[in-house]
Amino acid sequence: MPLTMKDLVAEARSRISAVSPENAREGAAKGDLILDVREPAELETNGRVAGAHHIPRGVLETRADATAPTADPRLTDLPEGARIHVLCASGGRAALAADTLGRMGYDADLIEGGIGGWKAAGLPVEG
């Protein structure tokens, strides 16, 4: 039987850890990276986390591969011990992205609740 998006997200979540929006913000203040994998239009519609790095989920692997000409140094040159806290609208794409990053050798986790959880925690959003 074919897998659904829900199945893929559940599998990814079983392999990754999650962090609260507050803990992600604290980590970013200490050198971690908040990675927003939403589409550009979503950033305009729902706001963006100040200081977050934006790479849409659809091109993440090409930006995270240090050997690729499209590698993104903000990802590939993270300081030793820095974590990547991944954010999307509600958590599905972020779970898939964090799982992929983990398989690529990064220390990545999911920000619980996505941008909605971030806002619900009373954390600042731009735009």
C-alpha atoms as a PDB file:
ATOM      1  CA  MET A   1       0.000   0.000   0.000  1.00  0.00           C
ATOM      2  CA  PRO A   2       1.380   3.458  -0.875  1.00  0.00           C
ATOM      3  CA  LEU A   3       2.463   5.763   1.947  1.00  0.00           C
ATOM      4  CA  THR A   4       0.599   8.991   2.570  1.00  0.00           C
ATOM      5  CA  MET A   5       2.101  12.318   3.606  1.00  0.00           C
ATOM      6  CA  LYS A   6       0.747  11.588   7.094  1.00  0.00           C
ATOM      7  CA  ASP A   7       2.658   8.275   7.121  1.00  0.00           C
ATOM      8  CA  LEU A   8       5.881   9.936   5.990  1.00  0.00           C
ATOM      9  CA  VAL A   9       5.590  12.638   8.648  1.00  0.00           C
ATOM     10  CA  ALA A  10       4.878  10.059  11.357  1.00  0.00           C
ATOM     11  CA  GLU A  11       7.959   8.061  10.327  1.00  0.00           C
ATOM     12  CA  ALA A  12      10.108  11.193  10.297  1.00  0.00           C
ATOM     13  CA  ARG A  13       8.823  12.280  13.728  1.00  0.00           C
ATOM     14  CA  SER A  14       9.767   8.892  15.145  1.00  0.00           C
ATOM     15  CA  ARG A  15      13.412   9.582  14.212  1.00  0.00           C
ATOM     16  CA  ILE A  16      13.768  13.198  15.324  1.00  0.00           C
ATOM     17  CA  SER A  17      13.414  15.214  18.470  1.00  0.00           C
ATOM     18  CA  ALA A  18      11.245  18.264  18.972  1.00  0.00           C
ATOM     19  CA  VAL A  19      11.888  21.501  20.780  1.00  0.00           C
ATOM     20  CA  SER A  20       9.525  24.178  22.053  1.00  0.00           C
ATOM     21  CA  PRO A  21       9.534  27.532  20.300  1.00  0.00           C
ATOM     22  CA  GLU A  22      10.979  29.103  23.457  1.00  0.00           C
ATOM     23  CA  ASN A  23      13.857  26.617  23.576  1.00  0.00           C
ATOM     24  CA  ALA A  24      14.558  27.139  19.864  1.00  0.00           C
ATOM     25  CA  ARG A  25      14.749  30.891  20.428  1.00  0.00           C
ATOM     26  CA  GLU A  26      17.114  30.390  23.380  1.00  0.00           C
ATOM     27  CA  GLY A  27      19.268  28.086  21.255  1.00  0.00           C
ATOM     28  CA  ALA A  28      19.402  30.636  18.440  1.00  0.00           C
ATOM     29  CA  ALA A  29      20.652  33.240  20.916  1.00  0.00           C
ATOM     30  CA  LYS A  30      23.549  30.847  21.654  1.00  0.00           C
ATOM     31  CA  GLY A  31      24.469  30.167  18.015  1.00  0.00           C
ATOM     32  CA  ASP A  32      21.930  27.608  16.807  1.00  0.00           C
ATOM     33  CA  LEU A  33      20.131  28.187  13.505  1.00  0.00           C
ATOM     34  CA  ILE A  34      16.380  28.522  13.076  1.00  0.00           C
ATOM     35  CA  LEU A  35      15.586  27.213   9.607  1.00  0.00           C
ATOM     36  CA  ASP A  36      12.217  28.103   8.094  1.00  0.00           C
ATOM     37  CA  VAL A  37      11.241  25.697   5.290  1.00  0.00           C
ATOM     38  CA  ARG A  38       7.978  27.396   4.286  1.00  0.00           C
ATOM     39  CA  GLU A  39       7.369  28.760   0.808  1.00  0.00           C
ATOM     40  CA  PRO A  40       8.108  32.470   0.193  1.00  0.00           C
ATOM     41  CA  ALA A  41       4.399  33.379  -0.084  1.00  0.00           C
ATOM     42  CA  GLU A  42       3.792  31.873   3.373  1.00  0.00           C
ATOM     43  CA  LEU A  43       6.413  34.166   4.866  1.00  0.00           C
ATOM     44  CA  GLU A  44       4.599  37.168   3.426  1.00  0.00           C
ATOM     45  CA  THR A  45       1.176  35.950   4.540  1.00  0.00           C
ATOM     46  CA  ASN A  46       1.971  34.596   8.011  1.00  0.00           C
ATOM     47  CA  GLY A  47       5.114  36.483   8.971  1.00  0.00           C
ATOM     48  CA  ARG A  48       8.657  35.361   9.587  1.00  0.00           C
ATOM     49  CA  VAL A  49      10.806  34.692  12.621  1.00  0.00           C
ATOM     50  CA  ALA A  50      13.429  37.417  13.002  1.00  0.00           C
ATOM     51  CA  GLY A  51      16.881  36.031  12.253  1.00  0.00           C
ATOM     52  CA  ALA A  52      15.588  32.747  10.848  1.00  0.00           C
ATOM     53  CA  HIS A  53      17.192  31.439   7.696  1.00  0.00           C
ATOM     54  CA  HIS A  54      14.760  30.584   4.901  1.00  0.00           C
ATOM     55  CA  ILE A  55      15.199  27.636   2.551  1.00  0.00           C
ATOM     56  CA  PRO A  56      11.995  26.197   1.032  1.00  0.00           C
ATOM     57  CA  ARG A  57      11.562  22.469   1.745  1.00  0.00           C
ATOM     58  CA  GLY A  58      11.624  21.639  -1.963  1.00  0.00           C
ATOM     59  CA  VAL A  59      15.267  22.697  -2.374  1.00  0.00           C
ATOM     60  CA  LEU A  60      16.653  21.848   1.059  1.00  0.00           C
ATOM     61  CA  GLU A  61      18.857  18.930   0.024  1.00  0.00           C
ATOM     62  CA  THR A  62      20.600  20.996  -2.665  1.00  0.00           C
ATOM     63  CA  ARG A  63      21.397  23.707  -0.118  1.00  0.00           C
ATOM     64  CA  ALA A  64      22.457  21.321   2.667  1.00  0.00           C
ATOM     65  CA  ASP A  65      24.892  19.300   0.525  1.00  0.00           C
ATOM     66  CA  ALA A  66      28.315  20.871   1.106  1.00  0.00           C
ATOM     67  CA  THR A  67      29.577  19.284  -2.129  1.00  0.00           C
ATOM     68  CA  ALA A  68      26.892  20.884  -4.307  1.00  0.00           C
ATOM     69  CA  PRO A  69      27.462  24.157  -6.152  1.00  0.00           C
ATOM     70  CA  THR A  70      24.159  25.345  -4.635  1.00  0.00           C
ATOM     71  CA  ALA A  71      25.314  24.693  -1.049  1.00  0.00           C
ATOM     72  CA  ASP A  72      24.228  27.349   1.425  1.00  0.00           C
ATOM     73  CA  PRO A  73      27.112  28.354   3.709  1.00  0.00           C
ATOM     74  CA  ARG A  74      24.727  29.397   6.467  1.00  0.00           C
ATOM     75  CA  LEU A  75      23.860  25.686   6.714  1.00  0.00           C
ATOM     76  CA  THR A  76      27.051  23.977   5.652  1.00  0.00           C
ATOM     77  CA  ASP A  77      29.370  26.170   7.745  1.00  0.00           C
ATOM     78  CA  LEU A  78      27.544  25.974  11.064  1.00  0.00           C
ATOM     79  CA  PRO A  79      29.850  26.136  14.078  1.00  0.00           C
ATOM     80  CA  GLU A  80      30.712  22.876  15.830  1.00  0.00           C
ATOM     81  CA  GLY A  81      27.887  21.868  18.167  1.00  0.00           C
ATOM     82  CA  ALA A  82      25.270  24.182  16.630  1.00  0.00           C
ATOM     83  CA  ARG A  83      21.817  22.705  16.156  1.00  0.00           C
ATOM     84  CA  ILE A  84      19.290  23.438  13.443  1.00  0.00           C
ATOM     85  CA  HIS A  85      15.742  24.068  14.690  1.00  0.00           C
ATOM     86  CA  VAL A  86      13.346  23.596  11.759  1.00  0.00           C
ATOM     87  CA  LEU A  87      10.088  25.508  11.386  1.00  0.00           C
ATOM     88  CA  CYS A  88       7.189  25.329   8.927  1.00  0.00           C
ATOM     89  CA  ALA A  89       3.493  26.204   9.125  1.00  0.00           C
ATOM     90  CA  SER A  90       2.411  23.418  11.475  1.00  0.00           C
ATOM     91  CA  GLY A  91       5.195  20.826  11.719  1.00  0.00           C
ATOM     92  CA  GLY A  92       4.798  18.342   8.859  1.00  0.00           C
ATOM     93  CA  ARG A  93       7.328  19.734   6.414  1.00  0.00           C
ATOM     94  CA  ALA A  94       9.644  20.654   9.272  1.00  0.00           C
ATOM     95  CA  ALA A  95       9.593  17.042  10.501  1.00  0.00           C
ATOM     96  CA  LEU A  96      10.514  15.791   7.037  1.00  0.00           C
ATOM     97  CA  ALA A  97      13.231  18.442   6.726  1.00  0.00           C
ATOM     98  CA  ALA A  98      14.715  17.755  10.184  1.00  0.00           C
ATOM     99  CA  ASP A  99      14.761  14.033   9.425  1.00  0.00           C
ATOM    100  CA  THR A 100      16.499  14.642   6.093  1.00  0.00           C
ATOM    101  CA  LEU A 101      19.056  16.957   7.694  1.00  0.00           C
ATOM    102  CA  GLY A 102      19.736  14.348  10.373  1.00  0.00           C
ATOM    103  CA  ARG A 103      20.355  11.728   7.699  1.00  0.00           C
ATOM    104  CA  MET A 104      22.754  14.180   6.034  1.00  0.00           C
ATOM    105  CA  GLY A 105      24.767  14.496   9.257  1.00  0.00           C
ATOM    106  CA  TYR A 106      23.297  17.626  10.783  1.00  0.00           C
ATOM    107  CA  ASP A 107      21.990  17.950  14.344  1.00  0.00           C
ATOM    108  CA  ALA A 108      18.424  19.012  13.577  1.00  0.00           C
ATOM    109  CA  ASP A 109      15.115  19.039  15.391  1.00  0.00           C
ATOM    110  CA  LEU A 110      11.556  20.193  14.865  1.00  0.00           C
ATOM    111  CA  ILE A 111      10.066  23.342  16.408  1.00  0.00           C
ATOM    112  CA  GLU A 112       6.762  22.108  17.822  1.00  0.00           C
ATOM    113  CA  GLY A 113       3.669  23.770  16.390  1.00  0.00           C
ATOM    114  CA  GLY A 114       5.409  25.575  13.552  1.00  0.00           C
ATOM    115  CA  ILE A 115       4.823  29.286  13.074  1.00  0.00           C
ATOM    116  CA  GLY A 116       1.463  28.919  14.835  1.00  0.00           C
ATOM    117  CA  GLY A 117       3.194  27.519  17.914  1.00  0.00           C
ATOM    118  CA  TRP A 118       5.763  30.307  17.724  1.00  0.00           C
ATOM    119  CA  LYS A 119       3.014  32.943  17.697  1.00  0.00           C
ATOM    120  CA  ALA A 120       1.010  31.155  20.413  1.00  0.00           C
ATOM    121  CA  ALA A 121       4.101  31.267  22.643  1.00  0.00           C
ATOM    122  CA  GLY A 122       4.041  35.060  22.257  1.00  0.00           C
ATOM    123  CA  LEU A 123       7.351  35.136  20.407  1.00  0.00           C
ATOM    124  CA  PRO A 124       7.970  37.937  17.908  1.00  0.00           C
ATOM    125  CA  VAL A 125       7.178  37.626  14.228  1.00  0.00           C
ATOM    126  CA  GLU A 126       8.080  40.104  11.494  1.00  0.00           C
ATOM    127  CA  GLY A 127       5.838  41.089   8.623  1.00  0.00           C
END
